[in-house]
Amino acid sequence: MYLIIIFLCGVGNFAMHKAMLESDHPLIAEARGSFRKALGPYGSYILEFFMLAAALIFANMGMISSVIFYAVYTVANCAAAFILFSNKH
């Protein structure tokens, strides 16, 4: 059950991540430029994938804390996306 919850949260995180990266918000454009310099064009996706993979590995080991952490991370991403998209001018 833990794996299913984290997987579904991961799908949501990747969808929000892609939507935010494709927005024309200046804050996201600046952050995207910094990530490209440091990690290449897909660096933020790679970091997102490693977060998901680590959460899935720890959940497979039976650690409920990984589910709680990843759920809180998903809620934080959702709040950030909501603030970003509700404040467009």
Protein backbone atom coordinates (compact mmCIF):
# COMPACT_ATOMS: atom_id res chain seq x y z
CA MET A 1 0.00 0.00 0.00
CA TYR A 2 2.89 2.37 0.80
CA LEU A 3 4.32 1.93 -2.69
CA ILE A 4 1.01 2.76 -4.35
CA ILE A 5 0.59 5.94 -2.31
CA ILE A 6 4.12 7.12 -3.08
CA PHE A 7 3.78 6.21 -6.76
CA LEU A 8 0.56 8.22 -7.10
CA CYS A 9 2.13 11.15 -5.28
CA GLY A 10 5.11 10.86 -7.63
CA VAL A 11 2.90 11.05 -10.70
CA GLY A 12 1.34 14.21 -9.28
CA ASN A 13 4.74 15.68 -8.44
CA PHE A 14 6.04 15.11 -11.96
CA ALA A 15 2.88 16.65 -13.46
CA MET A 16 3.17 19.74 -11.23
CA HIS A 17 6.91 19.93 -11.91
CA LYS A 18 6.37 19.90 -15.66
CA ALA A 19 3.57 22.48 -15.46
CA MET A 20 5.72 24.82 -13.40
CA LEU A 21 8.75 24.44 -15.68
CA GLU A 22 6.64 25.19 -18.75
CA SER A 23 5.14 28.31 -17.20
CA ASP A 24 6.61 31.67 -18.13
CA HIS A 25 6.97 32.82 -14.54
CA PRO A 26 10.21 34.80 -14.03
CA LEU A 27 11.10 33.00 -10.79
CA ILE A 28 10.87 29.61 -12.49
CA ALA A 29 12.84 30.85 -15.50
CA GLU A 30 15.65 32.01 -13.21
CA ALA A 31 15.71 28.72 -11.28
CA ARG A 32 15.62 26.73 -14.52
CA GLY A 33 18.66 28.64 -15.74
CA SER A 34 20.57 27.85 -12.55
CA PHE A 35 19.75 24.15 -12.80
CA ARG A 36 20.81 24.03 -16.44
CA LYS A 37 24.20 25.47 -15.59
CA ALA A 38 24.76 23.02 -12.75
CA LEU A 39 23.01 19.81 -13.85
CA GLY A 40 22.13 20.12 -17.51
CA PRO A 41 18.77 20.63 -19.20
CA TYR A 42 16.99 17.83 -17.33
CA GLY A 43 18.65 18.27 -13.95
CA SER A 44 15.49 19.15 -12.05
CA TYR A 45 13.71 16.09 -13.46
CA ILE A 46 16.64 13.91 -12.40
CA LEU A 47 16.47 15.28 -8.85
CA GLU A 48 12.70 14.70 -8.79
CA PHE A 49 13.23 11.13 -9.97
CA PHE A 50 15.85 10.44 -7.29
CA MET A 51 13.49 11.76 -4.61
CA LEU A 52 10.79 9.40 -5.88
CA ALA A 53 13.15 6.44 -6.15
CA ALA A 54 14.49 6.97 -2.63
CA ALA A 55 10.98 7.24 -1.20
CA LEU A 56 9.95 4.04 -3.01
CA ILE A 57 13.03 2.17 -1.77
CA PHE A 58 12.46 3.24 1.83
CA ALA A 59 8.74 2.44 1.60
CA ASN A 60 9.61 -1.01 0.28
CA MET A 61 11.69 -1.49 3.42
CA GLY A 62 8.55 -0.74 5.46
CA MET A 63 9.46 2.75 6.62
CA ILE A 64 6.22 4.68 7.16
CA SER A 65 8.28 7.85 7.61
CA SER A 66 9.10 7.82 3.88
CA VAL A 67 5.39 7.86 3.05
CA ILE A 68 4.78 10.73 5.46
CA PHE A 69 7.78 12.68 4.15
CA TYR A 70 6.83 12.20 0.50
CA ALA A 71 3.19 13.11 1.19
CA VAL A 72 4.31 16.32 2.90
CA TYR A 73 6.66 17.00 -0.03
CA THR A 74 3.74 16.51 -2.44
CA VAL A 75 1.51 18.88 -0.46
CA ALA A 76 4.31 21.49 -0.47
CA ASN A 77 4.70 21.12 -4.26
CA CYS A 78 0.94 21.44 -4.67
CA ALA A 79 0.89 24.60 -2.55
CA ALA A 80 3.78 26.09 -4.54
CA ALA A 81 2.07 25.31 -7.84
CA PHE A 82 -1.20 26.77 -6.58
CA ILE A 83 0.50 29.99 -5.46
CA LEU A 84 2.44 30.24 -8.71
CA PHE A 85 -0.58 29.77 -10.96
CA SER A 86 -3.10 31.74 -8.91
CA ASN A 87 -0.88 34.83 -8.86
CA LYS A 88 -0.57 35.35 -12.62
CA HIS A 89 -1.06 38.88 -13.91
